[in-house]
């Protein structure tokens, strides 16, 4: 009998479909329009030590095929999250993963220590794709040494499940994946958004106040698939695939290149009921293919070529 249950190391999910950070709010925003039980888990908005206002508007721009955002990790801060939000989402029939995004390593430690004192958190997604102030604004995951140190410092504080969300904005993601694994991550989240830009040709001005932002949506799926395949060939821990998923076929593709679960992001804005649709589509597919578990698909890409970064020219 086919089942949607998947395992991400110590974290067991009833569905391979998770909601990506930033696209599902704190979980409360979708509760009235979509049953959270259709998700294996959801990643909260990124939490920081103090309230962050985020970037100035405009900070969203639709493109022909995707979405640019420059929200700036706006959030209420860890204390308000623990007091006002966490008690209201712990009764959801799904796993609650808190995204943590900070400017320096000490802030990551502070936030996780506070969350360790309360119940209802199933794990953490360390957003290490954001700038490291001490290193001149470079994303933590662009420096393997910083990646390993950050993950290991959080691991020293918590025994909960940890995944590291890495930036795709680098020549190769292999070193960052291996560094996060060495630091003690239970899984990897691949990928975060791609740097992009939109321009108003009439005014000749950028459509985002910050000039560039994070590009998401179906066009980034080929990039995400390549990064997941690269990560799968680099580490032994599970990978959560992210990027442009809108159909159950997309989910299957991510599993084939190495994912053990996926996150859905931008598509939730237009279709909050998508997780339920994906679950049904996957069950129908598994039945037709006589597949009992989606884990049977993980890393089954058929190729005669050895893994390599990039393509022959």
C-alpha atoms as a PDB file:
ATOM      1  CA  UNK A   1       0.000   0.000   0.000  1.00  0.00           C
ATOM      2  CA  UNK A   2       1.395   3.385  -1.010  1.00  0.00           C
ATOM      3  CA  UNK A   3       2.168   5.870   1.755  1.00  0.00           C
ATOM      4  CA  UNK A   4       3.260   9.496   1.673  1.00  0.00           C
ATOM      5  CA  UNK A   5       5.270   9.122   4.883  1.00  0.00           C
ATOM      6  CA  UNK A   6       8.901  10.170   4.489  1.00  0.00           C
ATOM      7  CA  UNK A   7      11.870  10.342   6.799  1.00  0.00           C
ATOM      8  CA  UNK A   8      14.357  13.180   7.109  1.00  0.00           C
ATOM      9  CA  UNK A   9      16.642  11.487   9.546  1.00  0.00           C
ATOM     10  CA  UNK A  10      15.088  11.929  12.981  1.00  0.00           C
ATOM     11  CA  UNK A  11      12.164  13.928  11.590  1.00  0.00           C
ATOM     12  CA  UNK A  12       9.222  11.855  10.380  1.00  0.00           C
ATOM     13  CA  UNK A  13       6.712  13.510   8.030  1.00  0.00           C
ATOM     14  CA  UNK A  14       3.219  12.341   7.067  1.00  0.00           C
ATOM     15  CA  UNK A  15       3.676  13.982   3.656  1.00  0.00           C
ATOM     16  CA  UNK A  16       6.745  14.972   1.626  1.00  0.00           C
ATOM     17  CA  UNK A  17       5.214  18.413   1.070  1.00  0.00           C
ATOM     18  CA  UNK A  18       6.381  21.231   3.318  1.00  0.00           C
ATOM     19  CA  UNK A  19       5.608  24.953   3.149  1.00  0.00           C
ATOM     20  CA  UNK A  20       8.656  27.146   2.600  1.00  0.00           C
ATOM     21  CA  UNK A  21       9.677  29.904   4.980  1.00  0.00           C
ATOM     22  CA  UNK A  22       8.300  33.306   4.134  1.00  0.00           C
ATOM     23  CA  UNK A  23       5.520  31.871   1.974  1.00  0.00           C
ATOM     24  CA  UNK A  24       3.386  30.426   4.789  1.00  0.00           C
ATOM     25  CA  UNK A  25       3.678  33.270   7.273  1.00  0.00           C
ATOM     26  CA  UNK A  26       3.662  32.037  10.835  1.00  0.00           C
ATOM     27  CA  UNK A  27       1.164  29.334   9.884  1.00  0.00           C
ATOM     28  CA  UNK A  28      -1.811  31.267  11.226  1.00  0.00           C
ATOM     29  CA  UNK A  29      -2.348  33.188   8.008  1.00  0.00           C
ATOM     30  CA  UNK A  30      -3.324  30.059   6.053  1.00  0.00           C
ATOM     31  CA  UNK A  31      -5.256  28.183   8.748  1.00  0.00           C
ATOM     32  CA  UNK A  32      -8.669  29.432   7.580  1.00  0.00           C
ATOM     33  CA  UNK A  33      -8.122  28.673   3.889  1.00  0.00           C
ATOM     34  CA  UNK A  34      -6.120  25.431   3.862  1.00  0.00           C
ATOM     35  CA  UNK A  35      -5.880  22.493   6.252  1.00  0.00           C
ATOM     36  CA  UNK A  36      -2.301  22.382   7.604  1.00  0.00           C
ATOM     37  CA  UNK A  37      -2.589  18.609   8.026  1.00  0.00           C
ATOM     38  CA  UNK A  38      -2.050  18.275   4.267  1.00  0.00           C
ATOM     39  CA  UNK A  39       1.522  19.401   4.925  1.00  0.00           C
ATOM     40  CA  UNK A  40       4.212  17.180   6.326  1.00  0.00           C
ATOM     41  CA  UNK A  41       5.503  20.321   8.001  1.00  0.00           C
ATOM     42  CA  UNK A  42       5.873  24.049   7.523  1.00  0.00           C
ATOM     43  CA  UNK A  43       8.739  26.452   7.974  1.00  0.00           C
ATOM     44  CA  UNK A  44       7.822  29.651   9.805  1.00  0.00           C
ATOM     45  CA  UNK A  45       8.843  33.127   8.772  1.00  0.00           C
ATOM     46  CA  UNK A  46      12.459  33.627   9.745  1.00  0.00           C
ATOM     47  CA  UNK A  47      12.853  34.674  13.369  1.00  0.00           C
ATOM     48  CA  UNK A  48      15.515  37.034  14.683  1.00  0.00           C
ATOM     49  CA  UNK A  49      16.431  38.245  18.188  1.00  0.00           C
ATOM     50  CA  UNK A  50      14.476  41.494  17.867  1.00  0.00           C
ATOM     51  CA  UNK A  51      11.676  42.748  15.672  1.00  0.00           C
ATOM     52  CA  UNK A  52      12.860  43.542  12.154  1.00  0.00           C
ATOM     53  CA  UNK A  53      10.926  45.983   9.991  1.00  0.00           C
ATOM     54  CA  UNK A  54      12.472  44.588   6.833  1.00  0.00           C
ATOM     55  CA  UNK A  55      13.274  46.521   3.686  1.00  0.00           C
ATOM     56  CA  UNK A  56      11.452  49.642   2.482  1.00  0.00           C
ATOM     57  CA  UNK A  57       8.743  49.283  -0.174  1.00  0.00           C
ATOM     58  CA  UNK A  58       8.349  48.441  -2.924  1.00  0.00           C
ATOM     59  CA  UNK A  59       9.652  45.001  -1.990  1.00  0.00           C
ATOM     60  CA  UNK A  60       7.638  42.689  -4.224  1.00  0.00           C
ATOM     61  CA  UNK A  61       7.639  42.626  -8.012  1.00  0.00           C
ATOM     62  CA  UNK A  62       5.890  40.154 -10.273  1.00  0.00           C
ATOM     63  CA  UNK A  63       7.730  39.140 -13.411  1.00  0.00           C
ATOM     64  CA  UNK A  64       6.350  37.411 -16.461  1.00  0.00           C
ATOM     65  CA  UNK A  65       7.013  33.960 -15.023  1.00  0.00           C
ATOM     66  CA  UNK A  66       8.055  34.389 -11.401  1.00  0.00           C
ATOM     67  CA  UNK A  67       8.282  36.624  -8.358  1.00  0.00           C
ATOM     68  CA  UNK A  68      10.971  38.937  -7.005  1.00  0.00           C
ATOM     69  CA  UNK A  69      10.980  39.757  -3.326  1.00  0.00           C
ATOM     70  CA  UNK A  70      13.069  41.922  -1.053  1.00  0.00           C
ATOM     71  CA  UNK A  71      11.114  41.562   2.175  1.00  0.00           C
ATOM     72  CA  UNK A  72      14.264  41.791   4.259  1.00  0.00           C
ATOM     73  CA  UNK A  73      13.320  39.022   6.713  1.00  0.00           C
ATOM     74  CA  UNK A  74      10.721  41.203   8.433  1.00  0.00           C
ATOM     75  CA  UNK A  75       9.500  39.475  11.600  1.00  0.00           C
ATOM     76  CA  UNK A  76       8.185  40.070  15.118  1.00  0.00           C
ATOM     77  CA  UNK A  77      11.246  38.818  16.997  1.00  0.00           C
ATOM     78  CA  UNK A  78      11.708  35.666  19.027  1.00  0.00           C
ATOM     79  CA  UNK A  79      10.053  36.820  22.267  1.00  0.00           C
ATOM     80  CA  UNK A  80       6.819  37.881  20.554  1.00  0.00           C
ATOM     81  CA  UNK A  81       6.857  34.689  18.480  1.00  0.00           C
ATOM     82  CA  UNK A  82       7.110  32.519  21.592  1.00  0.00           C
ATOM     83  CA  UNK A  83       4.406  34.449  23.412  1.00  0.00           C
ATOM     84  CA  UNK A  84       1.887  35.254  20.678  1.00  0.00           C
ATOM     85  CA  UNK A  85       2.319  32.687  17.894  1.00  0.00           C
ATOM     86  CA  UNK A  86       3.806  29.421  19.091  1.00  0.00           C
ATOM     87  CA  UNK A  87       0.948  28.512  21.483  1.00  0.00           C
ATOM     88  CA  UNK A  88      -1.520  28.890  18.579  1.00  0.00           C
ATOM     89  CA  UNK A  89       0.312  26.687  16.069  1.00  0.00           C
ATOM     90  CA  UNK A  90       1.432  23.810  18.276  1.00  0.00           C
ATOM     91  CA  UNK A  91      -1.984  22.159  17.886  1.00  0.00           C
ATOM     92  CA  UNK A  92      -1.617  21.999  14.092  1.00  0.00           C
ATOM     93  CA  UNK A  93      -1.496  18.426  12.815  1.00  0.00           C
ATOM     94  CA  UNK A  94       1.872  18.933  11.153  1.00  0.00           C
ATOM     95  CA  UNK A  95       5.507  19.507  12.062  1.00  0.00           C
ATOM     96  CA  UNK A  96       6.535  23.032  13.068  1.00  0.00           C
ATOM     97  CA  UNK A  97      10.011  24.040  11.916  1.00  0.00           C
ATOM     98  CA  UNK A  98      11.221  27.477  12.980  1.00  0.00           C
ATOM     99  CA  UNK A  99      13.382  29.374  10.519  1.00  0.00           C
ATOM    100  CA  UNK A 100      16.176  31.326  12.189  1.00  0.00           C
ATOM    101  CA  UNK A 101      17.932  34.178  10.370  1.00  0.00           C
ATOM    102  CA  UNK A 102      20.374  36.531  12.075  1.00  0.00           C
ATOM    103  CA  UNK A 103      23.255  38.871  11.334  1.00  0.00           C
ATOM    104  CA  UNK A 104      25.959  37.202  13.421  1.00  0.00           C
ATOM    105  CA  UNK A 105      26.480  33.753  14.944  1.00  0.00           C
ATOM    106  CA  UNK A 106      25.839  34.903  18.494  1.00  0.00           C
ATOM    107  CA  UNK A 107      22.327  35.950  17.497  1.00  0.00           C
ATOM    108  CA  UNK A 108      21.570  32.486  16.104  1.00  0.00           C
ATOM    109  CA  UNK A 109      22.637  31.041  19.450  1.00  0.00           C
ATOM    110  CA  UNK A 110      20.466  33.512  21.367  1.00  0.00           C
ATOM    111  CA  UNK A 111      17.335  32.747  19.343  1.00  0.00           C
ATOM    112  CA  UNK A 112      17.777  28.973  19.534  1.00  0.00           C
ATOM    113  CA  UNK A 113      18.453  29.066  23.269  1.00  0.00           C
ATOM    114  CA  UNK A 114      15.156  30.862  23.829  1.00  0.00           C
ATOM    115  CA  UNK A 115      13.272  28.403  21.604  1.00  0.00           C
ATOM    116  CA  UNK A 116      14.863  25.480  23.436  1.00  0.00           C
ATOM    117  CA  UNK A 117      13.028  26.584  26.563  1.00  0.00           C
ATOM    118  CA  UNK A 118       9.572  26.010  25.080  1.00  0.00           C
ATOM    119  CA  UNK A 119       7.595  23.082  23.672  1.00  0.00           C
ATOM    120  CA  UNK A 120       6.043  22.810  20.247  1.00  0.00           C
ATOM    121  CA  UNK A 121       9.111  23.247  18.049  1.00  0.00           C
ATOM    122  CA  UNK A 122      10.012  20.174  15.984  1.00  0.00           C
ATOM    123  CA  UNK A 123      13.191  21.590  14.519  1.00  0.00           C
ATOM    124  CA  UNK A 124      15.051  24.527  13.045  1.00  0.00           C
ATOM    125  CA  UNK A 125      15.871  25.698   9.544  1.00  0.00           C
ATOM    126  CA  UNK A 126      19.007  27.812   9.723  1.00  0.00           C
ATOM    127  CA  UNK A 127      18.758  30.419   7.011  1.00  0.00           C
ATOM    128  CA  UNK A 128      22.470  30.861   6.427  1.00  0.00           C
ATOM    129  CA  UNK A 129      21.917  32.449   3.043  1.00  0.00           C
ATOM    130  CA  UNK A 130      21.631  35.879   4.643  1.00  0.00           C
ATOM    131  CA  UNK A 131      24.539  38.321   5.056  1.00  0.00           C
ATOM    132  CA  UNK A 132      27.098  37.831   7.793  1.00  0.00           C
ATOM    133  CA  UNK A 133      27.782  41.327   9.099  1.00  0.00           C
ATOM    134  CA  UNK A 134      31.225  40.435  10.459  1.00  0.00           C
ATOM    135  CA  UNK A 135      32.287  39.167   7.048  1.00  0.00           C
ATOM    136  CA  UNK A 136      31.270  42.260   5.117  1.00  0.00           C
ATOM    137  CA  UNK A 137      27.798  41.151   4.091  1.00  0.00           C
ATOM    138  CA  UNK A 138      28.730  37.814   2.534  1.00  0.00           C
ATOM    139  CA  UNK A 139      26.234  34.994   3.087  1.00  0.00           C
ATOM    140  CA  UNK A 140      27.396  32.509   5.711  1.00  0.00           C
ATOM    141  CA  UNK A 141      26.989  29.604   3.300  1.00  0.00           C
ATOM    142  CA  UNK A 142      29.374  31.186   0.794  1.00  0.00           C
ATOM    143  CA  UNK A 143      32.182  30.378   3.221  1.00  0.00           C
ATOM    144  CA  UNK A 144      32.367  26.679   4.203  1.00  0.00           C
ATOM    145  CA  UNK A 145      34.287  27.431   7.397  1.00  0.00           C
ATOM    146  CA  UNK A 146      31.588  29.820   8.568  1.00  0.00           C
ATOM    147  CA  UNK A 147      28.882  27.356   7.553  1.00  0.00           C
ATOM    148  CA  UNK A 148      30.400  24.558   9.614  1.00  0.00           C
ATOM    149  CA  UNK A 149      31.045  26.805  12.614  1.00  0.00           C
ATOM    150  CA  UNK A 150      27.526  28.237  12.627  1.00  0.00           C
ATOM    151  CA  UNK A 151      25.810  24.864  12.356  1.00  0.00           C
ATOM    152  CA  UNK A 152      28.076  23.321  14.991  1.00  0.00           C
ATOM    153  CA  UNK A 153      27.410  26.187  17.414  1.00  0.00           C
ATOM    154  CA  UNK A 154      23.669  25.695  17.094  1.00  0.00           C
ATOM    155  CA  UNK A 155      24.064  21.928  17.324  1.00  0.00           C
ATOM    156  CA  UNK A 156      25.893  22.366  20.631  1.00  0.00           C
ATOM    157  CA  UNK A 157      22.768  24.065  21.978  1.00  0.00           C
ATOM    158  CA  UNK A 158      20.050  21.796  20.606  1.00  0.00           C
ATOM    159  CA  UNK A 159      19.296  18.131  19.996  1.00  0.00           C
ATOM    160  CA  UNK A 160      16.346  19.050  17.801  1.00  0.00           C
ATOM    161  CA  UNK A 161      16.301  18.406  14.060  1.00  0.00           C
ATOM    162  CA  UNK A 162      18.315  20.991  12.107  1.00  0.00           C
ATOM    163  CA  UNK A 163      18.393  21.749   8.399  1.00  0.00           C
ATOM    164  CA  UNK A 164      20.657  24.344   6.785  1.00  0.00           C
ATOM    165  CA  UNK A 165      19.197  26.483   3.999  1.00  0.00           C
ATOM    166  CA  UNK A 166      21.954  27.279   1.540  1.00  0.00           C
ATOM    167  CA  UNK A 167      22.381  29.929  -1.126  1.00  0.00           C
ATOM    168  CA  UNK A 168      22.505  28.913  -4.801  1.00  0.00           C
ATOM    169  CA  UNK A 169      24.394  32.110  -5.585  1.00  0.00           C
ATOM    170  CA  UNK A 170      27.796  30.473  -5.751  1.00  0.00           C
ATOM    171  CA  UNK A 171      29.806  28.559  -8.339  1.00  0.00           C
ATOM    172  CA  UNK A 172      29.458  25.262  -6.475  1.00  0.00           C
ATOM    173  CA  UNK A 173      27.280  24.300  -3.526  1.00  0.00           C
ATOM    174  CA  UNK A 174      29.238  21.125  -2.710  1.00  0.00           C
ATOM    175  CA  UNK A 175      31.557  22.647  -0.110  1.00  0.00           C
ATOM    176  CA  UNK A 176      28.721  24.360   1.746  1.00  0.00           C
ATOM    177  CA  UNK A 177      26.719  21.124   1.820  1.00  0.00           C
ATOM    178  CA  UNK A 178      29.644  19.173   3.222  1.00  0.00           C
ATOM    179  CA  UNK A 179      30.401  21.887   5.764  1.00  0.00           C
ATOM    180  CA  UNK A 180      26.820  21.902   7.042  1.00  0.00           C
ATOM    181  CA  UNK A 181      26.873  18.112   7.321  1.00  0.00           C
ATOM    182  CA  UNK A 182      30.193  18.224   9.186  1.00  0.00           C
ATOM    183  CA  UNK A 183      28.735  20.832  11.540  1.00  0.00           C
ATOM    184  CA  UNK A 184      25.945  18.486  12.551  1.00  0.00           C
ATOM    185  CA  UNK A 185      22.998  19.346  10.287  1.00  0.00           C
ATOM    186  CA  UNK A 186      20.397  16.594   9.926  1.00  0.00           C
ATOM    187  CA  UNK A 187      19.395  17.770   6.445  1.00  0.00           C
ATOM    188  CA  UNK A 188      19.915  20.456   3.818  1.00  0.00           C
ATOM    189  CA  UNK A 189      17.334  22.808   2.280  1.00  0.00           C
ATOM    190  CA  UNK A 190      18.187  23.465  -1.382  1.00  0.00           C
ATOM    191  CA  UNK A 191      17.737  26.095  -2.649  1.00  0.00           C
ATOM    192  CA  UNK A 192      17.092  29.625  -1.490  1.00  0.00           C
ATOM    193  CA  UNK A 193      16.109  32.276  -4.031  1.00  0.00           C
ATOM    194  CA  UNK A 194      18.308  33.423  -6.904  1.00  0.00           C
ATOM    195  CA  UNK A 195      19.474  37.035  -7.130  1.00  0.00           C
ATOM    196  CA  UNK A 196      17.382  38.874  -9.696  1.00  0.00           C
ATOM    197  CA  UNK A 197      16.249  42.311 -10.792  1.00  0.00           C
ATOM    198  CA  UNK A 198      13.242  43.960 -12.454  1.00  0.00           C
ATOM    199  CA  UNK A 199      13.179  47.325 -14.224  1.00  0.00           C
ATOM    200  CA  UNK A 200      10.349  49.636 -15.260  1.00  0.00           C
ATOM    201  CA  UNK A 201      11.289  50.594 -18.805  1.00  0.00           C
ATOM    202  CA  UNK A 202       9.136  53.729 -18.729  1.00  0.00           C
ATOM    203  CA  UNK A 203      10.646  55.296 -15.624  1.00  0.00           C
ATOM    204  CA  UNK A 204      13.989  53.514 -16.019  1.00  0.00           C
ATOM    205  CA  UNK A 205      13.817  52.720 -12.329  1.00  0.00           C
ATOM    206  CA  UNK A 206      14.165  49.380 -10.531  1.00  0.00           C
ATOM    207  CA  UNK A 207      10.908  47.832  -9.350  1.00  0.00           C
ATOM    208  CA  UNK A 208      12.400  47.006  -5.962  1.00  0.00           C
ATOM    209  CA  UNK A 209      13.648  49.624  -3.515  1.00  0.00           C
ATOM    210  CA  UNK A 210      16.735  47.499  -2.888  1.00  0.00           C
ATOM    211  CA  UNK A 211      17.494  47.235  -6.637  1.00  0.00           C
ATOM    212  CA  UNK A 212      17.842  43.432  -6.539  1.00  0.00           C
ATOM    213  CA  UNK A 213      15.897  40.729  -4.731  1.00  0.00           C
ATOM    214  CA  UNK A 214      15.299  37.021  -4.486  1.00  0.00           C
ATOM    215  CA  UNK A 215      13.807  35.427  -7.598  1.00  0.00           C
ATOM    216  CA  UNK A 216      11.447  32.483  -7.131  1.00  0.00           C
ATOM    217  CA  UNK A 217       8.848  30.553  -9.086  1.00  0.00           C
ATOM    218  CA  UNK A 218       8.808  27.927 -11.871  1.00  0.00           C
ATOM    219  CA  UNK A 219      11.744  29.394 -13.860  1.00  0.00           C
ATOM    220  CA  UNK A 220      14.235  28.541 -11.111  1.00  0.00           C
ATOM    221  CA  UNK A 221      13.307  24.841 -11.003  1.00  0.00           C
ATOM    222  CA  UNK A 222      16.100  23.734 -13.400  1.00  0.00           C
ATOM    223  CA  UNK A 223      18.657  25.513 -11.217  1.00  0.00           C
ATOM    224  CA  UNK A 224      17.200  23.951  -8.077  1.00  0.00           C
ATOM    225  CA  UNK A 225      17.216  20.465  -9.601  1.00  0.00           C
ATOM    226  CA  UNK A 226      20.886  20.832 -10.505  1.00  0.00           C
ATOM    227  CA  UNK A 227      21.769  22.020  -7.004  1.00  0.00           C
ATOM    228  CA  UNK A 228      19.856  19.176  -5.355  1.00  0.00           C
ATOM    229  CA  UNK A 229      21.670  16.678  -7.604  1.00  0.00           C
ATOM    230  CA  UNK A 230      24.974  18.301  -6.697  1.00  0.00           C
ATOM    231  CA  UNK A 231      24.154  18.158  -3.005  1.00  0.00           C
ATOM    232  CA  UNK A 232      22.933  14.575  -3.183  1.00  0.00           C
ATOM    233  CA  UNK A 233      26.282  13.557  -4.640  1.00  0.00           C
ATOM    234  CA  UNK A 234      28.183  15.447  -1.940  1.00  0.00           C
ATOM    235  CA  UNK A 235      26.608  14.391   1.365  1.00  0.00           C
ATOM    236  CA  UNK A 236      24.916  11.502   3.142  1.00  0.00           C
ATOM    237  CA  UNK A 237      22.193  13.484   4.927  1.00  0.00           C
ATOM    238  CA  UNK A 238      18.697  14.026   3.439  1.00  0.00           C
ATOM    239  CA  UNK A 239      17.967  16.940   1.132  1.00  0.00           C
ATOM    240  CA  UNK A 240      14.786  19.008   1.005  1.00  0.00           C
ATOM    241  CA  UNK A 241      14.273  20.308  -2.531  1.00  0.00           C
ATOM    242  CA  UNK A 242      12.945  23.832  -3.073  1.00  0.00           C
ATOM    243  CA  UNK A 243      12.341  25.849  -6.213  1.00  0.00           C
ATOM    244  CA  UNK A 244       9.459  26.309  -8.633  1.00  0.00           C
ATOM    245  CA  UNK A 245       7.260  23.394  -7.570  1.00  0.00           C
ATOM    246  CA  UNK A 246       3.687  23.665  -8.870  1.00  0.00           C
ATOM    247  CA  UNK A 247       2.757  20.052  -9.724  1.00  0.00           C
ATOM    248  CA  UNK A 248       3.190  16.506  -8.446  1.00  0.00           C
ATOM    249  CA  UNK A 249       5.424  15.845 -11.452  1.00  0.00           C
ATOM    250  CA  UNK A 250       7.771  18.546 -10.156  1.00  0.00           C
ATOM    251  CA  UNK A 251       7.910  16.753  -6.799  1.00  0.00           C
ATOM    252  CA  UNK A 252       8.790  13.461  -8.477  1.00  0.00           C
ATOM    253  CA  UNK A 253      11.586  15.142 -10.433  1.00  0.00           C
ATOM    254  CA  UNK A 254      13.112  16.497  -7.226  1.00  0.00           C
ATOM    255  CA  UNK A 255      13.031  13.030  -5.663  1.00  0.00           C
ATOM    256  CA  UNK A 256      14.682  11.497  -8.713  1.00  0.00           C
ATOM    257  CA  UNK A 257      17.642  13.892  -8.444  1.00  0.00           C
ATOM    258  CA  UNK A 258      18.076  13.246  -4.732  1.00  0.00           C
ATOM    259  CA  UNK A 259      15.441  14.939  -2.566  1.00  0.00           C
ATOM    260  CA  UNK A 260      13.771  13.166   0.358  1.00  0.00           C
ATOM    261  CA  UNK A 261      11.099  15.875   0.757  1.00  0.00           C
ATOM    262  CA  UNK A 262      10.242  19.212  -0.844  1.00  0.00           C
ATOM    263  CA  UNK A 263       9.102  22.691   0.071  1.00  0.00           C
ATOM    264  CA  UNK A 264       6.475  24.645  -1.841  1.00  0.00           C
ATOM    265  CA  UNK A 265       6.794  28.413  -1.816  1.00  0.00           C
ATOM    266  CA  UNK A 266       5.530  31.016  -4.271  1.00  0.00           C
ATOM    267  CA  UNK A 267       2.790  28.754  -5.626  1.00  0.00           C
ATOM    268  CA  UNK A 268       0.981  28.930  -2.266  1.00  0.00           C
ATOM    269  CA  UNK A 269       0.187  32.593  -2.866  1.00  0.00           C
ATOM    270  CA  UNK A 270      -2.147  31.758  -5.734  1.00  0.00           C
ATOM    271  CA  UNK A 271      -3.211  28.281  -4.611  1.00  0.00           C
ATOM    272  CA  UNK A 272      -3.237  27.662  -0.832  1.00  0.00           C
ATOM    273  CA  UNK A 273      -4.816  24.261  -1.477  1.00  0.00           C
ATOM    274  CA  UNK A 274      -1.867  23.064  -3.566  1.00  0.00           C
ATOM    275  CA  UNK A 275      -0.422  20.687  -0.900  1.00  0.00           C
ATOM    276  CA  UNK A 276      -3.611  18.607  -0.889  1.00  0.00           C
ATOM    277  CA  UNK A 277      -3.549  18.474  -4.694  1.00  0.00           C
ATOM    278  CA  UNK A 278       0.089  17.412  -4.707  1.00  0.00           C
ATOM    279  CA  UNK A 279      -0.577  14.666  -2.168  1.00  0.00           C
ATOM    280  CA  UNK A 280      -3.392  13.210  -4.245  1.00  0.00           C
ATOM    281  CA  UNK A 281      -1.398  13.417  -7.447  1.00  0.00           C
ATOM    282  CA  UNK A 282       1.534  11.639  -5.807  1.00  0.00           C
ATOM    283  CA  UNK A 283      -0.682   8.880  -4.414  1.00  0.00           C
ATOM    284  CA  UNK A 284      -2.249   8.293  -7.840  1.00  0.00           C
ATOM    285  CA  UNK A 285       1.189   8.199  -9.451  1.00  0.00           C
ATOM    286  CA  UNK A 286       2.581   5.817  -6.842  1.00  0.00           C
ATOM    287  CA  UNK A 287      -0.364   3.487  -7.275  1.00  0.00           C
ATOM    288  CA  UNK A 288      -0.002   3.449 -11.052  1.00  0.00           C
ATOM    289  CA  UNK A 289       3.752   2.798 -10.781  1.00  0.00           C
ATOM    290  CA  UNK A 290       3.380   0.320  -7.908  1.00  0.00           C
ATOM    291  CA  UNK A 291       5.575   2.406  -5.635  1.00  0.00           C
ATOM    292  CA  UNK A 292       5.080   1.919  -1.919  1.00  0.00           C
ATOM    293  CA  UNK A 293       7.247   4.784  -0.699  1.00  0.00           C
ATOM    294  CA  UNK A 294       8.584   7.891  -2.383  1.00  0.00           C
ATOM    295  CA  UNK A 295      11.961   7.134  -0.843  1.00  0.00           C
ATOM    296  CA  UNK A 296      12.275   4.462  -3.528  1.00  0.00           C
ATOM    297  CA  UNK A 297      12.683   7.315  -6.027  1.00  0.00           C
ATOM    298  CA  UNK A 298      15.352   9.313  -4.198  1.00  0.00           C
ATOM    299  CA  UNK A 299      18.526   9.596  -6.267  1.00  0.00           C
ATOM    300  CA  UNK A 300      17.340   7.263  -9.036  1.00  0.00           C
ATOM    301  CA  UNK A 301      18.371   9.529 -11.905  1.00  0.00           C
ATOM    302  CA  UNK A 302      19.453   7.368 -14.843  1.00  0.00           C
ATOM    303  CA  UNK A 303      22.602   8.745 -16.423  1.00  0.00           C
ATOM    304  CA  UNK A 304      25.785   7.422 -17.951  1.00  0.00           C
ATOM    305  CA  UNK A 305      27.615  10.627 -17.094  1.00  0.00           C
ATOM    306  CA  UNK A 306      29.595  11.070 -13.868  1.00  0.00           C
ATOM    307  CA  UNK A 307      28.420  13.921 -11.655  1.00  0.00           C
ATOM    308  CA  UNK A 308      29.934  17.293 -12.566  1.00  0.00           C
ATOM    309  CA  UNK A 309      29.246  20.913 -11.805  1.00  0.00           C
ATOM    310  CA  UNK A 310      28.151  22.759 -14.911  1.00  0.00           C
ATOM    311  CA  UNK A 311      27.853  21.293 -18.377  1.00  0.00           C
ATOM    312  CA  UNK A 312      30.291  20.554 -21.209  1.00  0.00           C
ATOM    313  CA  UNK A 313      30.819  23.451 -23.622  1.00  0.00           C
END
